């Protein structure tokens, strides 16, 4: 269970504040900390980050290719008219 501590004149005092309303120091147990940090969607391995980066770069590359093809087709269409 987490605890909220406030600093009163250099002395830490335990309060009954909930974690959401704690204005001092929030103390967590090791299990609470592990649970809070392991469920983060940002907790990616290097391999998972590389896969996401590759997907983003691939999407941008594909969009660039389609844009160039469209420009090429539009310029050829203008020559035929």
C-alpha atoms as a PDB file:
ATOM      1  CA  UNK A   1       0.000   0.000   0.000  1.00  0.00           C
ATOM      2  CA  UNK A   2       1.302   3.447  -0.879  1.00  0.00           C
ATOM      3  CA  UNK A   3       1.807   6.162   1.708  1.00  0.00           C
ATOM      4  CA  UNK A   4       1.881   9.932   1.426  1.00  0.00           C
ATOM      5  CA  UNK A   5       4.542  11.779   3.378  1.00  0.00           C
ATOM      6  CA  UNK A   6       4.829  15.534   3.750  1.00  0.00           C
ATOM      7  CA  UNK A   7       7.828  17.553   4.866  1.00  0.00           C
ATOM      8  CA  UNK A   8       6.982  19.665   7.904  1.00  0.00           C
ATOM      9  CA  UNK A   9       9.963  21.737   9.041  1.00  0.00           C
ATOM     10  CA  UNK A  10      12.412  19.047   7.959  1.00  0.00           C
ATOM     11  CA  UNK A  11      10.397  16.199   9.495  1.00  0.00           C
ATOM     12  CA  UNK A  12       8.500  13.717   7.307  1.00  0.00           C
ATOM     13  CA  UNK A  13       4.958  13.085   8.519  1.00  0.00           C
ATOM     14  CA  UNK A  14       2.554  10.401   7.321  1.00  0.00           C
ATOM     15  CA  UNK A  15      -0.779  11.722   6.017  1.00  0.00           C
ATOM     16  CA  UNK A  16      -4.060  10.056   5.108  1.00  0.00           C
ATOM     17  CA  UNK A  17      -4.025  11.626   1.610  1.00  0.00           C
ATOM     18  CA  UNK A  18      -4.768   9.366  -1.335  1.00  0.00           C
ATOM     19  CA  UNK A  19      -2.054   8.930  -3.992  1.00  0.00           C
ATOM     20  CA  UNK A  20      -4.022  11.217  -6.343  1.00  0.00           C
ATOM     21  CA  UNK A  21      -4.110  14.090  -3.845  1.00  0.00           C
ATOM     22  CA  UNK A  22      -0.672  13.635  -2.282  1.00  0.00           C
ATOM     23  CA  UNK A  23       1.297  16.888  -2.372  1.00  0.00           C
ATOM     24  CA  UNK A  24       4.383  15.506  -0.667  1.00  0.00           C
ATOM     25  CA  UNK A  25       6.316  12.311  -1.245  1.00  0.00           C
ATOM     26  CA  UNK A  26       4.495   9.211  -2.434  1.00  0.00           C
ATOM     27  CA  UNK A  27       6.092   6.046  -1.080  1.00  0.00           C
ATOM     28  CA  UNK A  28       5.400   2.799  -2.946  1.00  0.00           C
ATOM     29  CA  UNK A  29       6.169  -0.788  -2.118  1.00  0.00           C
ATOM     30  CA  UNK A  30       8.448  -2.672  -4.504  1.00  0.00           C
ATOM     31  CA  UNK A  31       5.468  -4.641  -5.840  1.00  0.00           C
ATOM     32  CA  UNK A  32       3.477  -1.443  -6.541  1.00  0.00           C
ATOM     33  CA  UNK A  33       6.444   0.142  -8.301  1.00  0.00           C
ATOM     34  CA  UNK A  34       7.033  -2.958 -10.426  1.00  0.00           C
ATOM     35  CA  UNK A  35       3.363  -3.149 -11.367  1.00  0.00           C
ATOM     36  CA  UNK A  36       3.188   0.559 -12.239  1.00  0.00           C
ATOM     37  CA  UNK A  37       6.299   0.498 -14.418  1.00  0.00           C
ATOM     38  CA  UNK A  38       5.774  -2.869 -16.112  1.00  0.00           C
ATOM     39  CA  UNK A  39       2.325  -2.005 -17.479  1.00  0.00           C
ATOM     40  CA  UNK A  40       3.514   1.083 -19.318  1.00  0.00           C
ATOM     41  CA  UNK A  41       3.063   1.021 -23.088  1.00  0.00           C
ATOM     42  CA  UNK A  42       6.402   2.817 -23.279  1.00  0.00           C
ATOM     43  CA  UNK A  43       8.234  -0.140 -21.773  1.00  0.00           C
ATOM     44  CA  UNK A  44       9.571  -1.359 -25.114  1.00  0.00           C
ATOM     45  CA  UNK A  45      12.615  -3.449 -25.791  1.00  0.00           C
ATOM     46  CA  UNK A  46      15.151  -2.250 -28.342  1.00  0.00           C
ATOM     47  CA  UNK A  47      13.850  -4.833 -30.819  1.00  0.00           C
ATOM     48  CA  UNK A  48      10.247  -3.669 -30.425  1.00  0.00           C
ATOM     49  CA  UNK A  49      11.322  -0.048 -30.900  1.00  0.00           C
ATOM     50  CA  UNK A  50      13.223  -1.015 -34.053  1.00  0.00           C
ATOM     51  CA  UNK A  51      10.145  -2.756 -35.472  1.00  0.00           C
ATOM     52  CA  UNK A  52       7.992   0.323 -34.834  1.00  0.00           C
ATOM     53  CA  UNK A  53      10.632   2.636 -36.345  1.00  0.00           C
ATOM     54  CA  UNK A  54      10.899   0.400 -39.419  1.00  0.00           C
ATOM     55  CA  UNK A  55       7.129   0.432 -39.873  1.00  0.00           C
ATOM     56  CA  UNK A  56       7.015   4.237 -39.665  1.00  0.00           C
ATOM     57  CA  UNK A  57       9.906   4.675 -42.100  1.00  0.00           C
ATOM     58  CA  UNK A  58       8.312   2.164 -44.484  1.00  0.00           C
ATOM     59  CA  UNK A  59       4.996   4.043 -44.422  1.00  0.00           C
ATOM     60  CA  UNK A  60       6.763   7.352 -45.170  1.00  0.00           C
ATOM     61  CA  UNK A  61       8.769   5.722 -47.978  1.00  0.00           C
ATOM     62  CA  UNK A  62       5.657   4.214 -49.524  1.00  0.00           C
ATOM     63  CA  UNK A  63       3.851   7.562 -49.353  1.00  0.00           C
ATOM     64  CA  UNK A  64       6.832   9.258 -51.028  1.00  0.00           C
ATOM     65  CA  UNK A  65       6.873   6.666 -53.825  1.00  0.00           C
ATOM     66  CA  UNK A  66       3.138   7.054 -54.454  1.00  0.00           C
ATOM     67  CA  UNK A  67       3.526  10.836 -54.491  1.00  0.00           C
ATOM     68  CA  UNK A  68       6.337  10.639 -57.053  1.00  0.00           C
ATOM     69  CA  UNK A  69       4.336   8.200 -59.197  1.00  0.00           C
ATOM     70  CA  UNK A  70       1.340  10.507 -59.110  1.00  0.00           C
ATOM     71  CA  UNK A  71       3.478  13.494 -60.120  1.00  0.00           C
ATOM     72  CA  UNK A  72       4.971  11.421 -62.942  1.00  0.00           C
ATOM     73  CA  UNK A  73       1.522  10.345 -64.156  1.00  0.00           C
ATOM     74  CA  UNK A  74       0.178  13.905 -63.943  1.00  0.00           C
ATOM     75  CA  UNK A  75       3.090  15.287 -65.964  1.00  0.00           C
ATOM     76  CA  UNK A  76       2.631  12.624 -68.669  1.00  0.00           C
ATOM     77  CA  UNK A  77      -1.109  13.264 -68.749  1.00  0.00           C
ATOM     78  CA  UNK A  78      -0.471  16.962 -69.369  1.00  0.00           C
ATOM     79  CA  UNK A  79       1.775  16.135 -72.370  1.00  0.00           C
ATOM     80  CA  UNK A  80      -0.934  14.050 -74.051  1.00  0.00           C
ATOM     81  CA  UNK A  81      -3.612  16.765 -73.973  1.00  0.00           C
END
